[in-house]
N, C-alpha and C. Protein backbone atom coordinates (compact mmCIF):
# COMPACT_ATOMS: atom_id res chain seq x y z
N MET A 1 -9.78 -13.74 2.36
CA MET A 1 -9.23 -14.34 3.08
C MET A 1 -8.96 -12.96 4.25
N LEU A 2 -8.93 -11.44 3.34
CA LEU A 2 -8.38 -10.44 4.04
C LEU A 2 -9.67 -10.39 5.53
N LEU A 3 -11.06 -10.77 4.79
CA LEU A 3 -12.43 -10.74 5.78
C LEU A 3 -12.23 -11.82 7.00
N ALA A 4 -11.35 -12.86 6.23
CA ALA A 4 -11.67 -14.26 7.26
C ALA A 4 -10.77 -13.76 8.38
N LEU A 5 -9.41 -13.30 7.94
CA LEU A 5 -8.12 -13.19 9.01
C LEU A 5 -8.87 -12.24 9.93
N ARG A 6 -8.82 -11.08 9.30
CA ARG A 6 -9.73 -9.90 10.43
C ARG A 6 -10.80 -10.49 11.40
N GLY A 7 -11.81 -11.24 10.80
CA GLY A 7 -12.77 -11.63 11.70
C GLY A 7 -11.68 -12.56 12.44
N VAL A 8 -11.25 -13.28 12.56
CA VAL A 8 -10.68 -14.46 13.55
C VAL A 8 -9.31 -13.29 14.16
N THR A 9 -8.85 -12.87 13.95
CA THR A 9 -8.51 -11.41 14.68
C THR A 9 -9.45 -10.59 16.05
N LEU A 10 -10.69 -10.20 15.20
CA LEU A 10 -11.36 -10.03 16.22
C LEU A 10 -12.05 -10.31 17.15
N ALA A 11 -12.46 -11.43 16.42
CA ALA A 11 -12.74 -12.61 17.69
C ALA A 11 -11.87 -13.16 18.91
N ILE A 12 -10.66 -12.69 18.42
CA ILE A 12 -9.40 -13.40 19.74
C ILE A 12 -9.57 -12.51 20.25
N PHE A 13 -9.28 -11.21 19.81
CA PHE A 13 -8.62 -9.94 20.60
C PHE A 13 -9.74 -8.96 21.13
N GLY A 14 -10.61 -8.95 20.10
CA GLY A 14 -11.77 -7.98 20.09
C GLY A 14 -11.14 -6.52 19.58
N GLU A 15 -12.13 -5.35 19.77
CA GLU A 15 -11.78 -4.16 19.51
C GLU A 15 -10.77 -3.57 20.04
N GLU A 16 -9.96 -4.12 20.78
CA GLU A 16 -9.16 -3.32 21.58
C GLU A 16 -7.56 -3.39 21.03
N THR A 17 -7.10 -2.34 21.65
CA THR A 17 -5.55 -2.07 21.53
C THR A 17 -5.07 -3.41 22.54
N VAL A 18 -3.46 -4.11 21.85
CA VAL A 18 -2.97 -5.34 22.81
C VAL A 18 -1.42 -4.41 22.53
N PRO A 19 -1.38 -4.10 23.96
CA PRO A 19 -0.17 -3.62 24.06
C PRO A 19 0.90 -4.85 24.45
N LEU A 20 2.32 -3.78 23.57
CA LEU A 20 3.32 -4.87 23.89
C LEU A 20 3.82 -5.61 25.35
N VAL A 21 3.78 -6.72 24.69
CA VAL A 21 4.53 -7.45 26.40
C VAL A 21 5.61 -6.82 27.00
N ALA A 22 5.75 -6.76 28.38
CA ALA A 22 7.08 -6.03 28.59
C ALA A 22 8.15 -6.66 28.12
N GLY A 23 9.25 -6.15 28.28
CA GLY A 23 10.55 -7.04 28.10
C GLY A 23 11.13 -6.74 26.56
N ARG A 24 9.85 -5.80 26.13
CA ARG A 24 10.02 -5.73 24.35
C ARG A 24 10.97 -3.76 24.18
N ALA A 25 11.38 -3.70 25.52
CA ALA A 25 11.82 -2.22 25.08
C ALA A 25 12.87 -2.16 23.81
N ALA A 26 13.63 -3.15 23.65
CA ALA A 26 14.47 -2.75 22.36
C ALA A 26 13.28 -3.00 21.56
N PHE A 27 12.61 -3.22 21.25
CA PHE A 27 11.66 -3.31 19.82
C PHE A 27 10.47 -1.94 19.97
N VAL A 28 10.71 -1.51 21.07
CA VAL A 28 9.95 0.21 21.04
C VAL A 28 11.02 1.03 20.59
N ALA A 29 12.20 0.75 21.12
CA ALA A 29 13.58 1.89 21.09
C ALA A 29 13.65 1.63 19.34
N PHE A 30 13.42 0.72 18.95
CA PHE A 30 13.79 0.78 17.51
C PHE A 30 12.57 1.22 16.84
N GLY A 31 11.53 1.42 17.34
CA GLY A 31 10.25 2.04 16.59
C GLY A 31 10.44 3.32 16.63
N ARG A 32 11.13 3.79 17.98
CA ARG A 32 11.11 5.50 18.22
C ARG A 32 12.34 6.14 17.69
N ALA A 33 13.17 5.17 17.35
CA ALA A 33 14.69 5.68 17.13
C ALA A 33 15.01 6.65 15.58
N VAL A 34 15.43 7.31 16.06
CA VAL A 34 15.56 8.91 15.08
C VAL A 34 17.71 8.82 14.26
N VAL A 35 17.21 8.53 12.92
CA VAL A 35 18.15 8.63 12.05
C VAL A 35 18.37 9.96 11.17
N LEU A 36 19.36 10.48 11.20
CA LEU A 36 19.70 11.87 10.43
C LEU A 36 18.57 12.70 10.64
N GLY A 37 17.86 12.55 12.09
CA GLY A 37 17.08 13.92 11.86
C GLY A 37 15.30 13.75 11.49
N VAL A 38 15.26 12.18 11.44
CA VAL A 38 13.57 11.22 11.18
C VAL A 38 13.47 10.17 11.68
N LEU A 39 12.45 9.74 11.90
CA LEU A 39 11.99 8.28 12.65
C LEU A 39 12.76 7.18 11.25
N ILE A 40 13.03 6.09 12.07
CA ILE A 40 13.67 5.22 11.40
C ILE A 40 12.97 4.51 10.56
N GLN A 41 11.37 4.82 10.41
CA GLN A 41 10.62 4.61 9.31
C GLN A 41 10.82 4.58 8.22
N ALA A 42 11.31 6.36 8.12
CA ALA A 42 11.55 6.95 6.48
C ALA A 42 12.16 6.28 6.00
N PRO A 43 13.61 5.96 6.73
CA PRO A 43 14.56 5.52 5.78
C PRO A 43 14.20 4.19 5.27
N ILE A 44 13.94 3.17 6.12
CA ILE A 44 13.44 1.85 5.84
C ILE A 44 12.23 1.81 4.61
N VAL A 45 11.39 2.80 4.74
CA VAL A 45 10.41 2.84 3.83
C VAL A 45 10.95 3.39 2.18
N ALA A 46 11.88 4.79 2.72
CA ALA A 46 12.87 4.97 1.32
C ALA A 46 13.50 3.62 0.42
N ALA A 47 14.22 2.73 1.47
CA ALA A 47 14.96 1.64 1.12
C ALA A 47 14.28 0.76 0.22
N ALA A 48 12.79 0.61 0.94
CA ALA A 48 12.12 -0.77 -0.17
C ALA A 48 11.55 0.25 -1.16
N PHE A 49 11.68 1.40 -1.27
CA PHE A 49 11.15 2.16 -2.62
C PHE A 49 12.16 1.98 -3.57
N VAL A 50 13.49 2.53 -3.10
CA VAL A 50 14.48 2.33 -4.23
C VAL A 50 14.92 0.71 -4.49
N ALA A 51 14.28 -0.21 -4.05
CA ALA A 51 14.66 -1.38 -4.42
C ALA A 51 13.65 -1.50 -5.01
N GLY A 52 12.40 -1.44 -4.84
CA GLY A 52 11.21 -1.62 -5.83
C GLY A 52 11.54 -1.12 -6.79
N PHE A 53 12.06 0.32 -7.36
CA PHE A 53 12.37 0.68 -8.39
C PHE A 53 13.30 0.35 -9.20
N LEU A 54 14.04 -0.08 -8.53
CA LEU A 54 15.08 -0.79 -9.06
C LEU A 54 15.14 -2.16 -9.23
N MET A 55 14.50 -3.10 -8.79
CA MET A 55 13.74 -3.99 -9.54
C MET A 55 12.95 -4.43 -10.33
N LEU A 56 12.27 -3.24 -10.63
CA LEU A 56 11.11 -3.19 -11.78
C LEU A 56 11.72 -2.60 -12.64
N ARG A 57 12.45 -1.76 -12.85
CA ARG A 57 13.17 -0.86 -14.01
C ARG A 57 14.58 -1.81 -14.66
N TYR A 58 15.18 -2.72 -14.06
CA TYR A 58 16.47 -3.10 -14.27
C TYR A 58 16.81 -4.57 -14.15
N THR A 59 16.00 -5.33 -13.53
CA THR A 59 15.71 -6.94 -13.41
C THR A 59 14.31 -7.55 -14.77
N GLY A 60 15.17 -8.65 -14.81
CA GLY A 60 14.56 -9.57 -15.93
C GLY A 60 13.03 -9.91 -14.96
N PHE A 61 13.01 -9.91 -13.55
CA PHE A 61 11.70 -10.47 -12.96
C PHE A 61 10.71 -8.77 -13.16
N GLY A 62 11.25 -7.65 -12.97
CA GLY A 62 10.40 -6.39 -13.29
C GLY A 62 9.93 -6.59 -14.71
N ARG A 63 10.63 -6.90 -15.82
CA ARG A 63 9.97 -7.09 -16.99
C ARG A 63 9.08 -7.85 -17.35
N LEU A 64 9.11 -9.15 -16.48
CA LEU A 64 7.83 -10.07 -16.24
C LEU A 64 6.77 -9.48 -15.52
N VAL A 65 7.09 -8.86 -14.65
CA VAL A 65 5.83 -8.08 -14.16
C VAL A 65 5.08 -7.52 -15.02
N TYR A 66 5.77 -6.42 -15.25
CA TYR A 66 5.36 -5.47 -16.58
C TYR A 66 4.38 -6.73 -17.81
N ALA A 67 5.20 -7.02 -17.79
CA ALA A 67 4.50 -8.47 -19.04
C ALA A 67 2.98 -8.64 -18.82
N ILE A 68 3.47 -9.25 -17.40
CA ILE A 68 1.87 -9.85 -16.90
C ILE A 68 0.80 -8.54 -16.94
N GLY A 69 1.04 -7.90 -16.47
CA GLY A 69 0.65 -6.49 -16.22
C GLY A 69 -0.29 -6.14 -17.48
N GLY A 70 0.14 -6.40 -18.64
CA GLY A 70 -0.20 -5.67 -19.68
C GLY A 70 -1.36 -6.80 -20.32
N SER A 71 -0.65 -8.14 -20.20
CA SER A 71 -1.40 -9.39 -20.52
C SER A 71 -0.79 -10.79 -20.36
N GLU A 72 -1.69 -11.53 -19.29
CA GLU A 72 -1.62 -12.61 -18.89
C GLU A 72 -1.14 -13.57 -20.11
N ASP A 73 -2.24 -13.72 -21.19
CA ASP A 73 -2.25 -14.42 -21.94
C ASP A 73 -1.33 -14.23 -22.93
N SER A 74 -0.89 -13.12 -23.73
CA SER A 74 0.49 -12.68 -23.80
C SER A 74 1.85 -13.05 -23.22
N ALA A 75 1.76 -13.14 -21.94
CA ALA A 75 3.15 -13.48 -21.06
C ALA A 75 3.20 -14.66 -21.49
N ARG A 76 2.19 -15.40 -21.35
CA ARG A 76 2.09 -17.22 -20.89
C ARG A 76 2.61 -17.49 -22.28
N LEU A 77 1.82 -16.99 -23.52
CA LEU A 77 2.65 -17.42 -24.58
C LEU A 77 4.10 -17.15 -25.06
N LEU A 78 4.60 -15.99 -24.53
CA LEU A 78 6.10 -16.06 -24.73
C LEU A 78 6.68 -16.66 -23.71
N GLY A 79 6.32 -18.05 -22.82
CA GLY A 79 6.82 -18.85 -22.07
C GLY A 79 7.07 -18.09 -20.61
N VAL A 80 6.30 -17.27 -19.83
CA VAL A 80 6.46 -16.83 -18.83
C VAL A 80 5.90 -17.90 -17.79
N ARG A 81 6.31 -17.84 -16.85
CA ARG A 81 5.49 -18.71 -15.78
C ARG A 81 4.68 -17.66 -15.08
N VAL A 82 3.69 -17.35 -15.49
CA VAL A 82 2.80 -16.74 -15.03
C VAL A 82 2.31 -16.77 -13.59
N GLU A 83 1.74 -18.09 -13.29
CA GLU A 83 1.19 -17.91 -11.48
C GLU A 83 2.60 -18.37 -10.88
N ARG A 84 3.70 -18.63 -11.14
CA ARG A 84 5.02 -18.62 -10.07
C ARG A 84 5.22 -17.00 -10.06
N THR A 85 5.20 -16.38 -11.04
CA THR A 85 6.15 -15.00 -11.03
C THR A 85 4.50 -14.27 -10.22
N LYS A 86 3.32 -14.37 -10.37
CA LYS A 86 2.16 -13.84 -9.77
C LYS A 86 2.38 -13.94 -7.77
N MET A 87 2.86 -15.48 -7.64
CA MET A 87 3.31 -15.95 -6.07
C MET A 87 4.21 -15.18 -5.69
N LEU A 88 5.45 -15.19 -6.75
CA LEU A 88 6.38 -13.87 -6.25
C LEU A 88 6.18 -12.92 -5.74
N VAL A 89 5.25 -11.82 -6.56
CA VAL A 89 4.81 -10.80 -6.66
C VAL A 89 3.88 -9.95 -5.18
N TYR A 90 2.66 -11.47 -4.77
CA TYR A 90 1.93 -11.43 -3.79
C TYR A 90 2.93 -11.82 -2.43
N ALA A 91 3.70 -12.59 -2.75
CA ALA A 91 4.61 -12.83 -1.56
C ALA A 91 5.33 -11.41 -1.26
N ILE A 92 5.90 -10.86 -2.08
CA ILE A 92 6.49 -9.35 -1.89
C ILE A 92 5.94 -8.64 -1.38
N SER A 93 4.54 -8.27 -2.15
CA SER A 93 3.52 -7.65 -1.57
C SER A 93 3.28 -7.75 -0.25
N GLY A 94 2.87 -8.98 0.45
CA GLY A 94 2.47 -9.65 1.74
C GLY A 94 3.54 -9.30 2.73
N GLY A 95 4.91 -9.42 2.49
CA GLY A 95 5.99 -9.25 2.83
C GLY A 95 6.28 -7.68 3.47
N LEU A 96 6.14 -7.11 2.64
CA LEU A 96 5.79 -5.18 2.63
C LEU A 96 5.05 -4.91 3.31
N ALA A 97 3.64 -5.73 3.55
CA ALA A 97 2.70 -4.97 4.41
C ALA A 97 3.00 -5.70 5.41
N GLY A 98 3.64 -6.58 5.91
CA GLY A 98 3.83 -7.26 7.04
C GLY A 98 5.06 -6.24 8.20
N LEU A 99 6.21 -5.58 6.73
CA LEU A 99 6.71 -4.91 7.42
C LEU A 99 6.67 -3.62 7.92
N ALA A 100 5.28 -3.26 7.16
CA ALA A 100 4.86 -1.88 7.46
C ALA A 100 4.09 -2.03 8.99
N GLY A 101 3.18 -3.23 9.34
CA GLY A 101 3.18 -3.51 10.19
C GLY A 101 3.52 -3.44 11.44
N VAL A 102 5.07 -3.95 11.44
CA VAL A 102 6.02 -4.03 12.68
C VAL A 102 6.39 -2.78 12.77
N LEU A 103 6.80 -2.12 11.79
CA LEU A 103 7.06 -0.82 12.08
C LEU A 103 6.13 0.23 12.71
N PHE A 104 5.02 -0.10 12.55
CA PHE A 104 3.56 0.54 13.11
C PHE A 104 3.73 0.19 14.45
N ALA A 105 3.88 -0.85 14.47
CA ALA A 105 3.45 -1.53 15.75
C ALA A 105 4.64 -1.15 16.86
N ALA A 106 5.91 -1.11 16.20
CA ALA A 106 7.12 -0.52 17.02
C ALA A 106 6.73 1.00 17.05
N ARG A 107 6.45 1.26 16.76
CA ARG A 107 6.41 2.97 16.81
C ARG A 107 5.42 3.33 17.79
N ILE A 108 4.38 2.54 17.97
CA ILE A 108 2.97 3.13 19.18
C ILE A 108 3.30 1.76 20.17
N SER A 109 4.10 1.00 20.04
CA SER A 109 4.69 0.05 21.03
C SER A 109 3.21 -0.67 21.50
N ALA A 110 2.53 -0.98 20.52
CA ALA A 110 0.81 -1.71 20.68
C ALA A 110 0.73 -2.42 19.36
N GLY A 111 -0.43 -3.36 19.39
CA GLY A 111 -1.38 -3.79 18.00
C GLY A 111 -2.46 -3.55 18.18
N ILE A 112 -3.14 -2.67 17.14
CA ILE A 112 -4.46 -2.03 17.38
C ILE A 112 -5.25 -3.30 16.23
N THR A 113 -6.24 -3.60 16.97
CA THR A 113 -6.76 -5.16 15.83
C THR A 113 -7.78 -4.26 14.83
N ASN A 114 -8.24 -3.01 14.80
CA ASN A 114 -8.99 -2.61 14.03
C ASN A 114 -8.26 -1.24 13.34
N TYR A 115 -6.92 -1.44 13.48
CA TYR A 115 -6.53 -0.16 13.17
C TYR A 115 -6.26 -0.32 11.33
N GLY A 116 -6.54 0.44 10.43
CA GLY A 116 -6.25 -0.06 8.84
C GLY A 116 -7.40 -0.27 8.23
N LEU A 117 -8.61 -0.46 8.66
CA LEU A 117 -9.83 -0.63 7.98
C LEU A 117 -10.39 0.70 7.30
N GLY A 118 -10.43 -0.13 5.79
CA GLY A 118 -10.45 0.46 4.77
C GLY A 118 -9.76 1.10 4.06
N LEU A 119 -8.29 1.03 4.63
CA LEU A 119 -7.31 1.46 3.94
C LEU A 119 -6.90 0.81 2.63
N GLU A 120 -7.39 -0.44 2.47
CA GLU A 120 -7.38 -1.13 0.95
C GLU A 120 -7.81 -0.12 -0.11
N LEU A 121 -9.01 0.82 0.21
CA LEU A 121 -9.73 1.71 -0.78
C LEU A 121 -8.46 2.72 -0.50
N ASN A 122 -8.23 3.35 0.21
CA ASN A 122 -6.93 4.51 0.22
C ASN A 122 -5.76 3.70 -0.85
N ALA A 123 -5.43 2.39 -0.69
CA ALA A 123 -4.16 2.01 -1.75
C ALA A 123 -4.72 2.14 -3.06
N ILE A 124 -5.97 1.82 -3.50
CA ILE A 124 -6.67 1.53 -4.67
C ILE A 124 -6.68 3.13 -5.38
N THR A 125 -6.86 4.37 -4.59
CA THR A 125 -6.78 5.70 -5.10
C THR A 125 -5.60 5.42 -5.43
N VAL A 126 -4.79 5.89 -4.44
CA VAL A 126 -3.77 6.15 -4.70
C VAL A 126 -2.62 5.86 -5.94
N VAL A 127 -2.67 4.21 -6.40
CA VAL A 127 -2.45 3.58 -7.19
C VAL A 127 -3.12 4.43 -8.04
N ALA A 128 -4.38 4.44 -8.23
CA ALA A 128 -5.35 4.70 -9.56
C ALA A 128 -4.79 6.14 -10.12
N LEU A 129 -4.43 6.86 -9.17
CA LEU A 129 -4.38 8.17 -9.04
C LEU A 129 -2.73 8.90 -9.44
N SER A 130 -2.51 7.58 -9.37
CA SER A 130 -0.97 7.69 -9.82
C SER A 130 -0.49 7.56 -11.42
N GLY A 131 -1.50 6.94 -11.87
CA GLY A 131 -1.03 6.71 -13.59
C GLY A 131 -1.06 5.20 -13.11
N THR A 132 -1.15 4.52 -12.11
CA THR A 132 -1.22 3.22 -12.50
C THR A 132 -2.55 2.60 -13.54
N GLN A 133 -2.32 1.69 -14.65
CA GLN A 133 -3.90 1.67 -14.67
C GLN A 133 -4.67 0.29 -14.18
N LEU A 134 -5.73 0.57 -13.78
CA LEU A 134 -6.43 -0.55 -12.82
C LEU A 134 -6.40 -1.83 -13.58
N THR A 135 -6.38 -1.75 -15.00
CA THR A 135 -6.42 -3.11 -16.11
C THR A 135 -5.12 -3.83 -16.27
N GLY A 136 -4.33 -2.76 -15.57
CA GLY A 136 -2.84 -3.84 -16.04
C GLY A 136 -2.09 -2.93 -16.83
N GLY A 137 -1.05 -3.09 -16.92
CA GLY A 137 0.30 -3.12 -18.13
C GLY A 137 1.04 -1.83 -18.08
N VAL A 138 0.28 -0.90 -17.20
CA VAL A 138 1.23 0.80 -17.31
C VAL A 138 1.10 1.24 -15.45
N GLY A 139 2.15 1.68 -15.11
CA GLY A 139 2.37 2.03 -13.77
C GLY A 139 3.98 2.44 -13.53
N GLY A 140 4.15 2.56 -11.94
CA GLY A 140 5.32 2.72 -11.49
C GLY A 140 5.31 3.03 -10.53
N VAL A 141 6.70 2.71 -9.56
CA VAL A 141 6.55 3.04 -8.33
C VAL A 141 6.92 4.69 -8.11
N VAL A 142 7.40 5.17 -8.91
CA VAL A 142 7.35 6.70 -8.74
C VAL A 142 6.44 7.47 -8.88
N GLY A 143 5.69 7.10 -9.90
CA GLY A 143 4.01 7.72 -9.86
C GLY A 143 3.37 7.28 -8.25
N THR A 144 3.53 6.08 -7.63
CA THR A 144 2.79 5.77 -7.13
C THR A 144 3.43 6.65 -5.90
N LEU A 145 4.53 6.67 -5.87
CA LEU A 145 5.14 7.60 -4.61
C LEU A 145 4.60 8.75 -4.47
N ILE A 146 4.87 9.36 -5.54
CA ILE A 146 3.98 10.87 -5.82
C ILE A 146 2.44 10.92 -5.62
N GLY A 147 1.81 9.86 -5.77
CA GLY A 147 0.07 9.64 -5.10
C GLY A 147 0.26 9.43 -3.94
N VAL A 148 0.88 8.56 -3.39
CA VAL A 148 0.85 8.64 -1.83
C VAL A 148 1.03 9.95 -1.04
N LEU A 149 2.34 10.95 -1.86
CA LEU A 149 2.37 12.06 -0.87
C LEU A 149 1.11 12.97 -1.36
N PHE A 150 0.80 12.73 -2.43
CA PHE A 150 -0.47 13.61 -2.71
C PHE A 150 -1.70 13.79 -1.96
N VAL A 151 -1.97 12.06 -1.95
CA VAL A 151 -3.21 11.49 -1.20
C VAL A 151 -3.14 11.98 0.55
N GLY A 152 -1.65 11.32 1.04
CA GLY A 152 -1.62 11.75 2.12
C GLY A 152 -1.58 13.30 3.05
N SER A 153 -1.18 14.21 1.74
CA SER A 153 -1.32 15.15 2.01
C SER A 153 -2.95 16.03 2.03
N LEU A 154 -3.36 15.42 1.41
CA LEU A 154 -4.87 15.89 1.15
C LEU A 154 -5.54 15.22 2.58
N PHE A 155 -5.23 13.98 2.66
CA PHE A 155 -6.34 13.52 4.46
C PHE A 155 -5.86 14.19 5.10
N ASN A 156 -4.11 14.82 5.06
CA ASN A 156 -4.20 15.48 6.32
C ASN A 156 -4.47 16.42 6.61
N VAL A 157 -4.81 17.37 5.31
CA VAL A 157 -5.76 18.67 5.47
C VAL A 157 -7.17 18.66 6.07
N PHE A 158 -7.60 17.15 5.46
CA PHE A 158 -8.72 16.72 6.41
C PHE A 158 -8.81 16.58 7.85
N ASN A 159 -7.82 16.34 8.42
CA ASN A 159 -7.49 15.77 9.69
C ASN A 159 -7.52 17.15 10.31
N LEU A 160 -7.01 17.95 10.08
CA LEU A 160 -6.61 19.36 10.52
C LEU A 160 -7.75 20.25 10.44
N ASP A 161 -8.76 20.24 9.38
CA ASP A 161 -9.62 20.97 9.35
C ASP A 161 -10.85 20.65 10.08
N ALA A 162 -11.16 20.95 11.00
CA ALA A 162 -12.06 20.16 12.14
C ALA A 162 -13.60 20.39 11.37
N THR A 163 -13.57 21.09 10.50
CA THR A 163 -15.00 21.52 9.93
C THR A 163 -15.55 20.07 9.08
N LEU A 164 -14.69 19.15 8.70
CA LEU A 164 -14.93 18.25 8.14
C LEU A 164 -14.87 17.06 8.85
N ASN A 165 -16.03 16.36 8.83
CA ASN A 165 -15.83 15.28 10.28
C ASN A 165 -15.75 14.32 9.44
N THR A 166 -15.52 13.50 10.11
CA THR A 166 -14.77 12.03 9.48
C THR A 166 -15.44 11.04 8.89
N PHE A 167 -17.07 11.22 8.43
CA PHE A 167 -17.69 10.62 7.72
C PHE A 167 -17.96 11.03 6.68
N LEU A 168 -17.59 12.84 6.62
CA LEU A 168 -17.65 13.18 5.24
C LEU A 168 -16.06 13.43 4.73
N GLN A 169 -15.11 13.16 5.90
CA GLN A 169 -13.97 12.70 4.93
C GLN A 169 -14.01 11.39 3.73
N LYS A 170 -14.85 10.16 4.82
CA LYS A 170 -14.78 8.89 4.17
C LYS A 170 -15.76 9.25 2.74
N VAL A 171 -16.64 9.77 2.58
CA VAL A 171 -17.17 10.27 1.51
C VAL A 171 -16.47 10.85 0.38
N VAL A 172 -15.60 11.87 0.47
CA VAL A 172 -14.87 12.73 -0.33
C VAL A 172 -13.74 11.57 -0.64
N ARG A 173 -13.11 10.60 0.10
CA ARG A 173 -12.34 9.67 -0.06
C ARG A 173 -12.81 8.89 -1.17
N GLY A 174 -14.46 8.44 -1.00
CA GLY A 174 -14.53 7.85 -1.85
C GLY A 174 -15.02 8.06 -3.51
N ALA A 175 -15.71 9.47 -2.93
CA ALA A 175 -15.50 10.27 -4.44
C ALA A 175 -14.66 10.45 -5.15
N LEU A 176 -13.31 10.84 -4.59
CA LEU A 176 -12.05 10.65 -5.19
C LEU A 176 -11.77 9.45 -6.18
N LEU A 177 -11.95 8.20 -5.61
CA LEU A 177 -11.66 6.88 -5.83
C LEU A 177 -12.71 7.05 -6.97
N VAL A 178 -13.83 7.01 -7.18
CA VAL A 178 -14.58 6.67 -8.42
C VAL A 178 -14.45 8.10 -9.11
N VAL A 179 -14.33 9.43 -9.01
CA VAL A 179 -13.96 9.71 -10.33
C VAL A 179 -12.44 9.84 -10.73
N VAL A 180 -11.42 9.52 -10.45
CA VAL A 180 -10.51 8.51 -10.59
C VAL A 180 -10.50 7.70 -11.87
N VAL A 181 -11.12 6.42 -11.09
CA VAL A 181 -11.51 5.26 -11.82
C VAL A 181 -12.34 6.21 -13.16
N VAL A 182 -13.56 6.73 -13.21
CA VAL A 182 -14.39 6.82 -14.27
C VAL A 182 -12.96 7.66 -15.16
N LEU A 183 -12.19 8.26 -14.87
CA LEU A 183 -11.45 9.33 -15.47
C LEU A 183 -10.38 8.24 -16.42
N GLN A 184 -10.09 7.74 -15.68
CA GLN A 184 -8.70 6.46 -16.09
C GLN A 184 -9.64 5.17 -17.23
N GLY A 185 -10.60 5.26 -17.17
CA GLY A 185 -11.83 4.21 -18.05
C GLY A 185 -11.71 4.93 -19.26
N SER A 186 -12.39 6.67 -19.05
CA SER A 186 -12.87 7.18 -20.13
C SER A 186 -10.93 7.44 -20.84
N LEU A 187 -10.05 7.50 -20.44
CA LEU A 187 -8.69 7.97 -21.40
C LEU A 187 -8.36 6.45 -21.56
N SER A 188 -8.73 4.94 -21.11
CA SER A 188 -8.12 3.88 -21.42
C SER A 188 -9.02 3.47 -23.20
N MET A 189 -10.52 4.87 -23.09
CA MET A 189 -11.07 4.05 -24.30
C MET A 189 -11.09 5.35 -25.37
N ARG A 190 -10.08 6.38 -25.01
CA ARG A 190 -9.96 6.98 -25.91
C ARG A 190 -8.26 6.44 -26.66
N ARG A 191 -7.84 5.82 -25.80
CA ARG A 191 -6.51 5.35 -26.66
C ARG A 191 -6.72 4.61 -28.03
N ARG A 192 -7.98 3.59 -27.25
CA ARG A 192 -8.35 2.61 -28.26
C ARG A 192 -8.65 3.44 -29.85
């Protein structure tokens, strides 16, 4: 679906920036609003982080998510409605992705059809680097936040360093993902 919908978007709009239609001043003002000295996006993201942390740590739904991540078959044998729970997790994930898109569009007052290409691999890198096992069962939002801050800082350094061109940055990003996945695989083999 990712590739299909991306293709539909590019077919309709091309690789162009689509400015917001006049009359959306309130939306743009919201995207550029400052709360306690930071852009409005920061407290919204912080609230989503806290909500995710509390949900995973202190609710039955969070325990179901971890159970399914540990072993879908075991969770199913315990009576967990695996498909329903996974559908809710995907819906929450999609909702948060939509929120991120709205916040981004409000901030730049436009829609950019090809923005975000390849960010899926950045997300996987952050999650794997944060200690969340790609095989499931282990992980959390605190480690992911630390991974986001680390990888975001690293990539910002890349952007500030004019000697490392964009293509080499992608090589480094890909190599980082490979290293993290290999290390995770070797560590999980040792635990067994």
